[in-house]
Each structure stands twice: as structure tokens, then as C-alpha cells.
PDB file of N, CA and C in Angstrom:
ATOM      1  N   MET A   1      81.572  78.116 -19.077  1.00  0.00           N
ATOM      2  CA  MET A   1      80.413  78.857 -19.465  1.00  0.00           C
ATOM      3  C   MET A   1      79.866  79.552 -18.651  1.00  0.00           C
ATOM      4  N   GLU A   2      79.018  80.614 -18.461  1.00  0.00           N
ATOM      5  CA  GLU A   2      78.607  81.549 -17.563  1.00  0.00           C
ATOM      6  C   GLU A   2      77.162  81.272 -17.998  1.00  0.00           C
ATOM      7  N   ALA A   3      76.149  81.369 -16.464  1.00  0.00           N
ATOM      8  CA  ALA A   3      74.762  81.293 -16.962  1.00  0.00           C
ATOM      9  C   ALA A   3      74.043  82.317 -17.191  1.00  0.00           C
ATOM     10  N   PRO A   4      73.288  82.204 -18.076  1.00  0.00           N
ATOM     11  CA  PRO A   4      72.611  83.245 -18.907  1.00  0.00           C
ATOM     12  C   PRO A   4      72.145  84.782 -17.566  1.00  0.00           C
ATOM     13  N   THR A   5      72.327  85.529 -18.453  1.00  0.00           N
ATOM     14  CA  THR A   5      72.471  87.106 -17.295  1.00  0.00           C
ATOM     15  C   THR A   5      70.282  87.396 -16.986  1.00  0.00           C
ATOM     16  N   GLU A   6      70.082  87.865 -16.168  1.00  0.00           N
ATOM     17  CA  GLU A   6      68.844  87.885 -15.399  1.00  0.00           C
ATOM     18  C   GLU A   6      68.218  88.661 -16.958  1.00  0.00           C
ATOM     19  N   ALA A   7      69.032  89.467 -17.366  1.00  0.00           N
ATOM     20  CA  ALA A   7      68.288  90.142 -18.509  1.00  0.00           C
ATOM     21  C   ALA A   7      68.060  89.348 -19.729  1.00  0.00           C
ATOM     22  N   GLN A   8      69.374  88.646 -19.968  1.00  0.00           N
ATOM     23  CA  GLN A   8      68.769  87.508 -21.415  1.00  0.00           C
ATOM     24  C   GLN A   8      67.538  86.769 -21.038  1.00  0.00           C
ATOM     25  N   CYS A   9      67.549  86.301 -19.644  1.00  0.00           N
ATOM     26  CA  CYS A   9      66.816  85.014 -19.308  1.00  0.00           C
ATOM     27  C   CYS A   9      65.087  85.959 -19.699  1.00  0.00           C
ATOM     28  N   ARG A  10      65.196  87.095 -19.578  1.00  0.00           N
ATOM     29  CA  ARG A  10      63.447  88.200 -19.017  1.00  0.00           C
ATOM     30  C   ARG A  10      63.458  88.438 -20.689  1.00  0.00           C
ATOM     31  N   GLU A  11      64.235  88.341 -21.572  1.00  0.00           N
ATOM     32  CA  GLU A  11      64.235  88.717 -23.008  1.00  0.00           C
ATOM     33  C   GLU A  11      63.578  87.662 -23.657  1.00  0.00           C
ATOM     34  N   PHE A  12      64.226  86.444 -23.301  1.00  0.00           N
ATOM     35  CA  PHE A  12      63.768  85.328 -24.236  1.00  0.00           C
ATOM     36  C   PHE A  12      62.552  84.140 -23.546  1.00  0.00           C
ATOM     37  N   PHE A  13      62.383  85.013 -21.883  1.00  0.00           N
ATOM     38  CA  PHE A  13      61.545  83.377 -21.221  1.00  0.00           C
ATOM     39  C   PHE A  13      60.185  84.554 -20.648  1.00  0.00           C
ATOM     40  N   ASP A  14      59.284  84.019 -20.816  1.00  0.00           N
ATOM     41  CA  ASP A  14      58.029  84.184 -19.852  1.00  0.00           C
ATOM     42  C   ASP A  14      57.928  84.578 -18.454  1.00  0.00           C
ATOM     43  N   GLU A  15      57.227  85.250 -17.895  1.00  0.00           N
ATOM     44  CA  GLU A  15      57.660  85.604 -16.222  1.00  0.00           C
ATOM     45  C   GLU A  15      57.151  84.771 -15.865  1.00  0.00           C
ATOM     46  N   ASN A  16      56.227  83.765 -16.467  1.00  0.00           N
ATOM     47  CA  ASN A  16      55.824  82.547 -15.533  1.00  0.00           C
ATOM     48  C   ASN A  16      55.826  81.417 -15.801  1.00  0.00           C
ATOM     49  N   VAL A  17      57.286  81.262 -16.853  1.00  0.00           N
ATOM     50  CA  VAL A  17      57.833  79.763 -17.710  1.00  0.00           C
ATOM     51  C   VAL A  17      57.876  78.875 -16.572  1.00  0.00           C
ATOM     52  N   HIS A  18      57.524  77.690 -17.191  1.00  0.00           N
ATOM     53  CA  HIS A  18      57.350  76.695 -16.283  1.00  0.00           C
ATOM     54  C   HIS A  18      58.640  75.688 -17.308  1.00  0.00           C
ATOM     55  N   PHE A  19      59.957  75.168 -16.221  1.00  0.00           N
ATOM     56  CA  PHE A  19      60.638  74.398 -16.535  1.00  0.00           C
ATOM     57  C   PHE A  19      60.583  72.968 -16.161  1.00  0.00           C
ATOM     58  N   GLU A  20      60.985  72.022 -16.967  1.00  0.00           N
ATOM     59  CA  GLU A  20      61.347  70.651 -16.037  1.00  0.00           C
ATOM     60  C   GLU A  20      62.267  70.063 -16.671  1.00  0.00           C
ATOM     61  N   ASP A  21      63.083  69.259 -16.037  1.00  0.00           N
ATOM     62  CA  ASP A  21      64.107  68.084 -16.547  1.00  0.00           C
ATOM     63  C   ASP A  21      64.241  66.977 -15.770  1.00  0.00           C
ATOM     64  N   PRO A  22      64.922  65.894 -15.822  1.00  0.00           N
ATOM     65  CA  PRO A  22      64.716  64.819 -15.246  1.00  0.00           C
ATOM     66  C   PRO A  22      64.825  64.442 -13.699  1.00  0.00           C
ATOM     67  N   THR A  23      65.328  66.112 -13.070  1.00  0.00           N
ATOM     68  CA  THR A  23      65.778  66.397 -11.710  1.00  0.00           C
ATOM     69  C   THR A  23      65.075  67.343 -10.822  1.00  0.00           C
ATOM     70  N   GLN A  24      64.245  68.246 -11.670  1.00  0.00           N
ATOM     71  CA  GLN A  24      63.372  69.453 -11.005  1.00  0.00           C
ATOM     72  C   GLN A  24      62.193  70.225 -12.120  1.00  0.00           C
ATOM     73  N   LYS A  25      61.407  70.417 -11.298  1.00  0.00           N
ATOM     74  CA  LYS A  25      60.494  71.096 -12.005  1.00  0.00           C
ATOM     75  C   LYS A  25      60.432  72.509 -11.040  1.00  0.00           C
ATOM     76  N   ARG A  26      60.229  73.837 -12.188  1.00  0.00           N
ATOM     77  CA  ARG A  26      60.443  75.071 -11.873  1.00  0.00           C
ATOM     78  C   ARG A  26      59.335  75.960 -12.188  1.00  0.00           C
ATOM     79  N   GLU A  27      58.990  76.961 -11.473  1.00  0.00           N
ATOM     80  CA  GLU A  27      57.798  77.720 -11.758  1.00  0.00           C
ATOM     81  C   GLU A  27      58.531  79.586 -11.801  1.00  0.00           C
ATOM     82  N   GLY A  28      58.436  80.057 -12.876  1.00  0.00           N
ATOM     83  CA  GLY A  28      58.480  81.332 -12.707  1.00  0.00           C
ATOM     84  C   GLY A  28      59.631  81.812 -13.376  1.00  0.00           C
ATOM     85  N   ILE A  29      60.086  82.951 -13.913  1.00  0.00           N
ATOM     86  CA  ILE A  29      61.488  83.129 -14.102  1.00  0.00           C
ATOM     87  C   ILE A  29      62.503  83.017 -13.122  1.00  0.00           C
ATOM     88  N   ARG A  30      62.186  83.606 -12.037  1.00  0.00           N
ATOM     89  CA  ARG A  30      62.965  83.866 -10.849  1.00  0.00           C
ATOM     90  C   ARG A  30      63.663  82.430 -10.638  1.00  0.00           C
ATOM     91  N   ALA A  31      62.711  81.130 -10.460  1.00  0.00           N
ATOM     92  CA  ALA A  31      63.151  80.012  -9.958  1.00  0.00           C
ATOM     93  C   ALA A  31      63.926  79.485 -11.278  1.00  0.00           C
ATOM     94  N   TYR A  32      63.585  79.912 -12.613  1.00  0.00           N
ATOM     95  CA  TYR A  32      64.537  79.308 -13.679  1.00  0.00           C
ATOM     96  C   TYR A  32      65.716  79.843 -13.668  1.00  0.00           C
ATOM     97  N   ILE A  33      65.972  80.979 -13.453  1.00  0.00           N
ATOM     98  CA  ILE A  33      67.089  81.899 -13.393  1.00  0.00           C
ATOM     99  C   ILE A  33      68.086  80.952 -11.930  1.00  0.00           C
ATOM    100  N   GLU A  34      67.520  81.080 -10.785  1.00  0.00           N
ATOM    101  CA  GLU A  34      67.976  80.154  -9.903  1.00  0.00           C
ATOM    102  C   GLU A  34      68.691  78.899 -10.463  1.00  0.00           C
ATOM    103  N   ALA A  35      67.952  78.058 -11.555  1.00  0.00           N
ATOM    104  CA  ALA A  35      67.727  76.829 -11.563  1.00  0.00           C
ATOM    105  C   ALA A  35      69.616  77.098 -12.447  1.00  0.00           C
ATOM    106  N   GLN A  36      69.480  77.766 -13.356  1.00  0.00           N
ATOM    107  CA  GLN A  36      70.479  78.094 -14.413  1.00  0.00           C
ATOM    108  C   GLN A  36      71.625  78.240 -13.566  1.00  0.00           C
ATOM    109  N   GLU A  37      71.592  79.371 -12.537  1.00  0.00           N
ATOM    110  CA  GLU A  37      72.706  79.963 -11.790  1.00  0.00           C
ATOM    111  C   GLU A  37      73.352  78.707 -10.916  1.00  0.00           C
ATOM    112  N   GLY A  38      72.260  77.790 -10.665  1.00  0.00           N
ATOM    113  CA  GLY A  38      72.873  76.586  -9.512  1.00  0.00           C
ATOM    114  C   GLY A  38      73.628  75.954 -10.252  1.00  0.00           C
ATOM    115  N   LEU A  39      73.077  75.611 -11.354  1.00  0.00           N
ATOM    116  CA  LEU A  39      73.897  74.197 -12.053  1.00  0.00           C
ATOM    117  C   LEU A  39      75.171  74.911 -12.327  1.00  0.00           C
ATOM    118  N   VAL A  40      75.294  76.253 -13.227  1.00  0.00           N
ATOM    119  CA  VAL A  40      77.086  76.387 -13.347  1.00  0.00           C
ATOM    120  C   VAL A  40      77.696  77.193 -12.174  1.00  0.00           C
ATOM    121  N   SER A  41      76.861  77.314 -11.096  1.00  0.00           N
ATOM    122  CA  SER A  41      77.906  77.278  -9.956  1.00  0.00           C
ATOM    123  C   SER A  41      78.300  76.155  -9.224  1.00  0.00           C
ATOM    124  N   ARG A  42      78.107  74.718  -9.578  1.00  0.00           N
ATOM    125  CA  ARG A  42      78.205  73.904  -9.240  1.00  0.00           C
ATOM    126  C   ARG A  42      78.992  72.855  -9.867  1.00  0.00           C
ATOM    127  N   CYS A  43      79.549  73.537 -11.023  1.00  0.00           N
ATOM    128  CA  CYS A  43      80.404  72.914 -12.166  1.00  0.00           C
ATOM    129  C   CYS A  43      81.546  73.972 -11.943  1.00  0.00           C
ATOM    130  N   ASN A  44      82.834  72.733 -12.741  1.00  0.00           N
ATOM    131  CA  ASN A  44      83.964  73.668 -12.662  1.00  0.00           C
ATOM    132  C   ASN A  44      84.075  73.858 -14.055  1.00  0.00           C
ATOM    133  N   ASP A  45      83.808  73.308 -14.954  1.00  0.00           N
ATOM    134  CA  ASP A  45      83.275  73.889 -15.966  1.00  0.00           C
ATOM    135  C   ASP A  45      82.257  73.141 -16.902  1.00  0.00           C
ATOM    136  N   VAL A  46      81.323  74.196 -17.786  1.00  0.00           N
ATOM    137  CA  VAL A  46      80.150  73.746 -18.420  1.00  0.00           C
ATOM    138  C   VAL A  46      80.375  73.971 -19.945  1.00  0.00           C
ATOM    139  N   TYR A  47      79.756  73.094 -20.837  1.00  0.00           N
ATOM    140  CA  TYR A  47      79.545  73.595 -22.520  1.00  0.00           C
ATOM    141  C   TYR A  47      78.110  72.592 -22.819  1.00  0.00           C
ATOM    142  N   LEU A  48      78.095  73.730 -23.881  1.00  0.00           N
ATOM    143  CA  LEU A  48      76.524  73.224 -24.536  1.00  0.00           C
ATOM    144  C   LEU A  48      76.499  73.391 -25.837  1.00  0.00           C
ATOM    145  N   LEU A  49      76.532  72.189 -26.569  1.00  0.00           N
ATOM    146  CA  LEU A  49      76.724  72.005 -28.037  1.00  0.00           C
ATOM    147  C   LEU A  49      75.432  71.660 -28.823  1.00  0.00           C
ATOM    148  N   PRO A  50      74.796  72.975 -29.610  1.00  0.00           N
ATOM    149  CA  PRO A  50      73.261  72.537 -30.203  1.00  0.00           C
ATOM    150  C   PRO A  50      73.420  71.870 -30.798  1.00  0.00           C
ATOM    151  N   GLY A  51      72.295  70.849 -31.439  1.00  0.00           N
ATOM    152  CA  GLY A  51      72.251  70.233 -32.781  1.00  0.00           C
ATOM    153  C   GLY A  51      71.416  70.509 -33.657  1.00  0.00           C
ATOM    154  N   ALA A  52      70.731  69.552 -34.264  1.00  0.00           N
ATOM    155  CA  ALA A  52      69.599  69.860 -35.139  1.00  0.00           C
ATOM    156  C   ALA A  52      68.308  70.771 -34.317  1.00  0.00           C
ATOM    157  N   ILE A  53      67.777  71.495 -35.123  1.00  0.00           N
ATOM    158  CA  ILE A  53      66.612  72.405 -34.563  1.00  0.00           C
ATOM    159  C   ILE A  53      65.425  72.059 -35.019  1.00  0.00           C
ATOM    160  N   THR A  54      64.155  71.656 -34.743  1.00  0.00           N
ATOM    161  CA  THR A  54      63.106  71.581 -35.525  1.00  0.00           C
ATOM    162  C   THR A  54      62.116  72.571 -34.794  1.00  0.00           C
ATOM    163  N   ILE A  55      61.250  73.385 -35.753  1.00  0.00           N
ATOM    164  CA  ILE A  55      59.947  74.506 -35.440  1.00  0.00           C
ATOM    165  C   ILE A  55      59.038  73.930 -36.075  1.00  0.00           C
ATOM    166  N   GLU A  56      57.593  73.772 -35.187  1.00  0.00           N
ATOM    167  CA  GLU A  56      56.486  73.844 -35.942  1.00  0.00           C
ATOM    168  C   GLU A  56      55.592  74.266 -35.216  1.00  0.00           C
ATOM    169  N   ARG A  57      55.024  75.385 -35.785  1.00  0.00           N
ATOM    170  CA  ARG A  57      53.929  76.542 -35.246  1.00  0.00           C
ATOM    171  C   ARG A  57      54.920  76.995 -33.696  1.00  0.00           C
ATOM    172  N   ARG A  58      54.338  76.945 -32.879  1.00  0.00           N
ATOM    173  CA  ARG A  58      54.794  77.439 -31.379  1.00  0.00           C
ATOM    174  C   ARG A  58      55.680  76.446 -30.645  1.00  0.00           C
ATOM    175  N   THR A  59      56.258  75.777 -31.284  1.00  0.00           N
ATOM    176  CA  THR A  59      56.876  74.597 -30.485  1.00  0.00           C
ATOM    177  C   THR A  59      58.407  74.465 -31.325  1.00  0.00           C
ATOM    178  N   ALA A  60      59.401  74.370 -30.561  1.00  0.00           N
ATOM    179  CA  ALA A  60      60.649  73.851 -31.246  1.00  0.00           C
ATOM    180  C   ALA A  60      61.490  73.006 -30.249  1.00  0.00           C
ATOM    181  N   PHE A  61      62.109  72.077 -31.030  1.00  0.00           N
ATOM    182  CA  PHE A  61      62.752  70.276 -30.357  1.00  0.00           C
ATOM    183  C   PHE A  61      64.150  71.164 -30.996  1.00  0.00           C
ATOM    184  N   VAL A  62      64.902  71.003 -29.812  1.00  0.00           N
ATOM    185  CA  VAL A  62      66.612  70.923 -29.795  1.00  0.00           C
ATOM    186  C   VAL A  62      67.297  70.208 -29.411  1.00  0.00           C
ATOM    187  N   GLU A  63      68.334  69.276 -30.266  1.00  0.00           N
ATOM    188  CA  GLU A  63      69.133  68.502 -29.821  1.00  0.00           C
ATOM    189  C   GLU A  63      70.289  69.412 -29.405  1.00  0.00           C
ATOM    190  N   TRP A  64      70.759  68.304 -28.071  1.00  0.00           N
ATOM    191  CA  TRP A  64      72.227  69.243 -27.722  1.00  0.00           C
ATOM    192  C   TRP A  64      72.569  67.985 -26.848  1.00  0.00           C
ATOM    193  N   GLU A  65      74.189  68.670 -26.477  1.00  0.00           N
ATOM    194  CA  GLU A  65      75.217  68.202 -25.941  1.00  0.00           C
ATOM    195  C   GLU A  65      75.597  68.965 -24.922  1.00  0.00           C
ATOM    196  N   MET A  66      75.297  68.444 -23.565  1.00  0.00           N
ATOM    197  CA  MET A  66      75.909  68.960 -22.473  1.00  0.00           C
ATOM    198  C   MET A  66      77.124  68.438 -21.479  1.00  0.00           C
ATOM    199  N   GLY A  67      77.935  69.352 -21.483  1.00  0.00           N
ATOM    200  CA  GLY A  67      79.019  68.743 -20.871  1.00  0.00           C
ATOM    201  C   GLY A  67      79.283  69.717 -19.562  1.00  0.00           C
ATOM    202  N   LEU A  68      79.298  69.085 -18.051  1.00  0.00           N
ATOM    203  CA  LEU A  68      79.682  69.270 -16.929  1.00  0.00           C
ATOM    204  C   LEU A  68      80.828  68.487 -16.446  1.00  0.00           C
ATOM    205  N   LYS A  69      81.642  69.084 -15.910  1.00  0.00           N
ATOM    206  CA  LYS A  69      82.878  68.877 -15.065  1.00  0.00           C
ATOM    207  C   LYS A  69      82.652  69.155 -13.258  1.00  0.00           C
ATOM    208  N   ILE A  70      82.658  68.394 -12.618  1.00  0.00           N
ATOM    209  CA  ILE A  70      82.107  68.246 -11.383  1.00  0.00           C
ATOM    210  C   ILE A  70      83.137  67.337 -10.532  1.00  0.00           C
ATOM    211  N   LYS A  71      83.701  68.352  -9.593  1.00  0.00           N
ATOM    212  CA  LYS A  71      85.371  67.824  -8.641  1.00  0.00           C
ATOM    213  C   LYS A  71      86.002  66.835 -10.042  1.00  0.00           C
ATOM    214  N   GLY A  72      86.258  67.271 -10.836  1.00  0.00           N
ATOM    215  CA  GLY A  72      87.197  66.747 -11.614  1.00  0.00           C
ATOM    216  C   GLY A  72      86.754  65.328 -12.549  1.00  0.00           C
ATOM    217  N   ILE A  73      85.480  65.079 -12.402  1.00  0.00           N
ATOM    218  CA  ILE A  73      84.459  64.342 -13.080  1.00  0.00           C
ATOM    219  C   ILE A  73      83.653  65.032 -14.448  1.00  0.00           C
ATOM    220  N   GLU A  74      84.053  64.334 -15.270  1.00  0.00           N
ATOM    221  CA  GLU A  74      83.424  65.120 -16.667  1.00  0.00           C
ATOM    222  C   GLU A  74      81.929  64.247 -16.451  1.00  0.00           C
ATOM    223  N   PHE A  75      81.138  64.789 -16.891  1.00  0.00           N
ATOM    224  CA  PHE A  75      79.577  64.149 -17.413  1.00  0.00           C
ATOM    225  C   PHE A  75      79.103  64.749 -18.543  1.00  0.00           C
ATOM    226  N   ILE A  76      78.905  63.685 -19.644  1.00  0.00           N
ATOM    227  CA  ILE A  76      78.045  64.319 -20.840  1.00  0.00           C
ATOM    228  C   ILE A  76      76.742  63.508 -20.857  1.00  0.00           C
ATOM    229  N   TYR A  77      75.654  64.587 -21.528  1.00  0.00           N
ATOM    230  CA  TYR A  77      74.244  64.291 -21.382  1.00  0.00           C
ATOM    231  C   TYR A  77      74.030  64.852 -22.602  1.00  0.00           C
ATOM    232  N   PRO A  78      74.012  64.174 -23.822  1.00  0.00           N
ATOM    233  CA  PRO A  78      73.098  64.159 -24.952  1.00  0.00           C
ATOM    234  C   PRO A  78      71.750  64.314 -24.563  1.00  0.00           C
ATOM    235  N   GLY A  79      70.719  65.082 -24.969  1.00  0.00           N
ATOM    236  CA  GLY A  79      69.198  65.538 -25.054  1.00  0.00           C
ATOM    237  C   GLY A  79      69.036  66.261 -25.824  1.00  0.00           C
ATOM    238  N   THR A  80      67.423  66.469 -25.831  1.00  0.00           N
ATOM    239  CA  THR A  80      66.780  67.458 -26.268  1.00  0.00           C
ATOM    240  C   THR A  80      65.749  67.977 -25.447  1.00  0.00           C
ATOM    241  N   SER A  81      65.761  69.613 -25.796  1.00  0.00           N
ATOM    242  CA  SER A  81      64.991  70.464 -24.988  1.00  0.00           C
ATOM    243  C   SER A  81      63.419  70.386 -26.004  1.00  0.00           C
ATOM    244  N   ARG A  82      62.303  70.881 -25.104  1.00  0.00           N
ATOM    245  CA  ARG A  82      61.044  71.093 -25.788  1.00  0.00           C
ATOM    246  C   ARG A  82      60.828  72.130 -25.815  1.00  0.00           C
ATOM    247  N   LEU A  83      60.436  73.720 -26.284  1.00  0.00           N
ATOM    248  CA  LEU A  83      60.594  75.049 -26.407  1.00  0.00           C
ATOM    249  C   LEU A  83      59.006  75.564 -26.938  1.00  0.00           C
ATOM    250  N   CYS A  84      57.628  75.836 -25.823  1.00  0.00           N
ATOM    251  CA  CYS A  84      56.736  76.064 -26.348  1.00  0.00           C
ATOM    252  C   CYS A  84      56.675  77.693 -26.077  1.00  0.00           C
ATOM    253  N   PHE A  85      56.152  78.618 -27.147  1.00  0.00           N
ATOM    254  CA  PHE A  85      56.200  79.733 -27.170  1.00  0.00           C
ATOM    255  C   PHE A  85      55.052  80.491 -26.994  1.00  0.00           C
ATOM    256  N   ASN A  86      54.835  81.457 -26.355  1.00  0.00           N
ATOM    257  CA  ASN A  86      53.511  82.228 -26.057  1.00  0.00           C
ATOM    258  C   ASN A  86      53.217  83.240 -27.221  1.00  0.00           C
ATOM    259  N   GLU A  87      52.205  84.120 -27.287  1.00  0.00           N
ATOM    260  CA  GLU A  87      51.714  84.845 -28.256  1.00  0.00           C
ATOM    261  C   GLU A  87      52.921  85.944 -28.638  1.00  0.00           C
ATOM    262  N   GLU A  88      53.767  86.276 -27.453  1.00  0.00           N
ATOM    263  CA  GLU A  88      55.094  87.297 -27.552  1.00  0.00           C
ATOM    264  C   GLU A  88      55.827  86.628 -28.111  1.00  0.00           C
ATOM    265  N   GLY A  89      55.945  85.635 -28.289  1.00  0.00           N
ATOM    266  CA  GLY A  89      57.170  84.677 -28.582  1.00  0.00           C
ATOM    267  C   GLY A  89      58.121  84.218 -27.756  1.00  0.00           C
ATOM    268  N   LYS A  90      58.063  84.570 -26.607  1.00  0.00           N
ATOM    269  CA  LYS A  90      58.627  84.196 -25.308  1.00  0.00           C
ATOM    270  C   LYS A  90      58.727  82.684 -24.884  1.00  0.00           C
ATOM    271  N   VAL A  91      59.431  82.195 -24.812  1.00  0.00           N
ATOM    272  CA  VAL A  91      59.165  80.795 -23.918  1.00  0.00           C
ATOM    273  C   VAL A  91      58.512  80.686 -22.494  1.00  0.00           C
ATOM    274  N   CYS A  92      57.447  79.685 -22.971  1.00  0.00           N
ATOM    275  CA  CYS A  92      56.677  79.643 -21.750  1.00  0.00           C
ATOM    276  C   CYS A  92      56.567  78.509 -21.203  1.00  0.00           C
ATOM    277  N   ASP A  93      57.031  77.532 -21.680  1.00  0.00           N
ATOM    278  CA  ASP A  93      57.430  75.977 -21.225  1.00  0.00           C
ATOM    279  C   ASP A  93      58.768  75.813 -21.742  1.00  0.00           C
ATOM    280  N   HIS A  94      59.958  74.888 -20.905  1.00  0.00           N
ATOM    281  CA  HIS A  94      60.971  74.213 -21.336  1.00  0.00           C
ATOM    282  C   HIS A  94      61.090  73.337 -20.617  1.00  0.00           C
ATOM    283  N   ARG A  95      61.311  72.458 -21.599  1.00  0.00           N
ATOM    284  CA  ARG A  95      61.201  70.979 -20.941  1.00  0.00           C
ATOM    285  C   ARG A  95      62.700  70.032 -21.582  1.00  0.00           C
ATOM    286  N   ASP A  96      63.534  69.804 -20.823  1.00  0.00           N
ATOM    287  CA  ASP A  96      64.815  68.713 -21.029  1.00  0.00           C
ATOM    288  C   ASP A  96      64.367  67.175 -21.100  1.00  0.00           C
ATOM    289  N   TYR A  97      64.742  66.508 -22.240  1.00  0.00           N
ATOM    290  CA  TYR A  97      64.943  65.422 -21.893  1.00  0.00           C
ATOM    291  C   TYR A  97      66.365  64.674 -22.124  1.00  0.00           C
ATOM    292  N   PHE A  98      66.516  64.209 -21.047  1.00  0.00           N
ATOM    293  CA  PHE A  98      67.912  63.203 -21.017  1.00  0.00           C
ATOM    294  C   PHE A  98      68.129  62.108 -20.380  1.00  0.00           C
ATOM    295  N   ASP A  99      69.023  61.258 -20.643  1.00  0.00           N
ATOM    296  CA  ASP A  99      69.132  60.156 -19.425  1.00  0.00           C
ATOM    297  C   ASP A  99      70.054  60.516 -18.088  1.00  0.00           C
ATOM    298  N   PHE A 100      69.337  60.971 -17.258  1.00  0.00           N
ATOM    299  CA  PHE A 100      70.088  61.626 -15.840  1.00  0.00           C
ATOM    300  C   PHE A 100      70.764  60.188 -15.147  1.00  0.00           C
ATOM    301  N   VAL A 101      70.552  59.390 -15.252  1.00  0.00           N
ATOM    302  CA  VAL A 101      71.043  58.127 -14.128  1.00  0.00           C
ATOM    303  C   VAL A 101      72.142  57.534 -14.925  1.00  0.00           C
ATOM    304  N   GLY A 102      72.103  57.317 -16.207  1.00  0.00           N
ATOM    305  CA  GLY A 102      73.242  56.535 -16.677  1.00  0.00           C
ATOM    306  C   GLY A 102      74.414  57.772 -16.669  1.00  0.00           C
ATOM    307  N   SER A 103      73.777  58.814 -17.373  1.00  0.00           N
ATOM    308  CA  SER A 103      75.131  59.916 -17.637  1.00  0.00           C
ATOM    309  C   SER A 103      75.677  60.320 -16.536  1.00  0.00           C
ATOM    310  N   THR A 104      74.926  60.275 -15.378  1.00  0.00           N
ATOM    311  CA  THR A 104      75.464  60.865 -14.055  1.00  0.00           C
ATOM    312  C   THR A 104      76.531  59.866 -13.255  1.00  0.00           C
ATOM    313  N   PHE A 105      75.970  58.678 -13.245  1.00  0.00           N
ATOM    314  CA  PHE A 105      76.334  57.608 -12.543  1.00  0.00           C
ATOM    315  C   PHE A 105      77.484  56.510 -13.284  1.00  0.00           C
ATOM    316  N   GLU A 106      77.384  56.323 -14.442  1.00  0.00           N
ATOM    317  CA  GLU A 106      77.943  55.633 -15.271  1.00  0.00           C
ATOM    318  C   GLU A 106      79.791  55.670 -15.074  1.00  0.00           C
ATOM    319  N   PRO A 107      80.265  57.375 -15.149  1.00  0.00           N
ATOM    320  CA  PRO A 107      81.305  57.398 -14.799  1.00  0.00           C
ATOM    321  C   PRO A 107      82.264  57.228 -13.467  1.00  0.00           C
ATOM    322  N   VAL A 108      81.300  56.987 -12.580  1.00  0.00           N
ATOM    323  CA  VAL A 108      81.571  56.728 -11.105  1.00  0.00           C
ATOM    324  C   VAL A 108      81.982  55.256 -10.496  1.00  0.00           C
ATOM    325  N   PRO A 109      83.358  55.286 -10.345  1.00  0.00           N
ATOM    326  CA  PRO A 109      83.847  54.232  -9.884  1.00  0.00           C
ATOM    327  C   PRO A 109      82.760  53.394  -8.900  1.00  0.00           C
ATOM    328  N   VAL A 110      82.473  52.250  -9.534  1.00  0.00           N
ATOM    329  CA  VAL A 110      81.952  50.852  -8.377  1.00  0.00           C
ATOM    330  C   VAL A 110      80.393  51.295  -8.892  1.00  0.00           C
ATOM    331  N   VAL A 111      79.787  53.037  -8.525  1.00  0.00           N
ATOM    332  CA  VAL A 111      78.378  52.869  -8.716  1.00  0.00           C
ATOM    333  C   VAL A 111      77.971  52.560 -10.825  1.00  0.00           C
ATOM    334  N   GLY A 112      79.075  52.812 -11.242  1.00  0.00           N
ATOM    335  CA  GLY A 112      78.888  52.927 -12.517  1.00  0.00           C
ATOM    336  C   GLY A 112      78.833  51.627 -12.811  1.00  0.00           C
ATOM    337  N   GLY A 113      79.220  50.338 -12.123  1.00  0.00           N
ATOM    338  CA  GLY A 113      79.219  48.883 -12.617  1.00  0.00           C
ATOM    339  C   GLY A 113      77.836  48.541 -12.634  1.00  0.00           C
ATOM    340  N   LEU A 114      77.371  49.339 -11.567  1.00  0.00           N
ATOM    341  CA  LEU A 114      76.316  49.095 -10.792  1.00  0.00           C
ATOM    342  C   LEU A 114      75.236  49.276 -11.998  1.00  0.00           C
ATOM    343  N   VAL A 115      75.297  50.474 -12.202  1.00  0.00           N
ATOM    344  CA  VAL A 115      74.022  51.300 -13.386  1.00  0.00           C
ATOM    345  C   VAL A 115      74.017  50.526 -14.429  1.00  0.00           C
ATOM    346  N   ARG A 116      75.417  50.046 -15.050  1.00  0.00           N
ATOM    347  CA  ARG A 116      75.674  49.255 -16.150  1.00  0.00           C
ATOM    348  C   ARG A 116      74.740  48.075 -16.006  1.00  0.00           C
ATOM    349  N   LEU A 117      74.905  46.968 -14.785  1.00  0.00           N
ATOM    350  CA  LEU A 117      74.441  46.250 -14.616  1.00  0.00           C
ATOM    351  C   LEU A 117      72.913  46.341 -14.579  1.00  0.00           C
ATOM    352  N   LEU A 118      72.054  46.663 -14.214  1.00  0.00           N
ATOM    353  CA  LEU A 118      70.744  47.311 -14.115  1.00  0.00           C
ATOM    354  C   LEU A 118      70.255  47.556 -15.772  1.00  0.00           C
ATOM    355  N   TYR A 119      71.056  48.751 -16.383  1.00  0.00           N
ATOM    356  CA  TYR A 119      70.310  48.832 -17.349  1.00  0.00           C
ATOM    357  C   TYR A 119      70.616  47.496 -18.579  1.00  0.00           C
ATOM    358  N   LYS A 120      71.499  46.848 -18.094  1.00  0.00           N
ATOM    359  CA  LYS A 120      71.604  45.229 -19.034  1.00  0.00           C
ATOM    360  C   LYS A 120      70.807  44.581 -18.786  1.00  0.00           C
ATOM    361  N   ARG A 121      70.134  44.274 -17.414  1.00  0.00           N
ATOM    362  CA  ARG A 121      69.048  43.600 -16.898  1.00  0.00           C
ATOM    363  C   ARG A 121      67.674  44.076 -17.446  1.00  0.00           C
ATOM    364  N   PHE A 122      67.610  45.336 -17.222  1.00  0.00           N
ATOM    365  CA  PHE A 122      66.085  45.968 -17.019  1.00  0.00           C
ATOM    366  C   PHE A 122      66.247  46.829 -18.559  1.00  0.00           C
ATOM    367  N   VAL A 123      66.848  46.673 -19.237  1.00  0.00           N
ATOM    368  CA  VAL A 123      66.894  47.385 -20.742  1.00  0.00           C
ATOM    369  C   VAL A 123      66.885  46.918 -21.793  1.00  0.00           C
ATOM    370  N   ASP A 124      68.381  46.184 -21.647  1.00  0.00           N
ATOM    371  CA  ASP A 124      68.933  44.975 -22.865  1.00  0.00           C
ATOM    372  C   ASP A 124      67.736  43.919 -22.926  1.00  0.00           C
TER     373      ASP A 124
END
């Protein structure tokens, strides 16, 4: 999968778009594009499978599954995006919700066992 082009991003996202996920906060279209390009460039392979979509007035929620392969290890992130649209119909706020810690560190030898232990202790 390739990152969206700058032209594609500018077609759908406001110049002052706010982007946030569990790992970062970005302001503006240039920073948004750099975040997308940076993710794709770090990965050997990337996929994004959309699921259910709900739209209410100027807000949409999209369920998805993102898979990343980095240094031969595959990471699967189920998540949801909240997209808020401005008067022109462009995304002005994009917020991703997903479990970064569990999905990132569970597949890693030794560290994964510690993550499962912590989740069991504090979440179960």
C-alpha cells in the first residue's frame, strides 16, 4: 500500500486539519501528509480494511483493521477513526482510536509476555 498522494490529501482534508492517534498529534495538512508517508516508509507492507461506517451530520466513524509488517513482524491494529467535516465537506479533525501497546508489543518475544501479564493484572 502506498501513502495517499499530496493531491489526494488536499482533496479530502482541510489545510488546517488536526490529526491525533495514540502515538502522535499533528496540526496542518503538511504534518498530516508527513505522518502518513512516515508510517508507510517504516513498513515492509501495510494494509487497511475498512468496516462499518456511521455518519451523523458532520461526523463520521469508520471501523477498520490495519496491518503493518515491520522487520518481518506483523502487527494487527483493529481501530476506529472519528472524522469531522467542515462546511466545505473536507476533514478538519481526524482522530484514530486503537490499542497501541497491546497490538504493538504482544507479538514481540519476551516483551509480549510482560504486556499480557500487565493486562491480566490491571484489565482483567
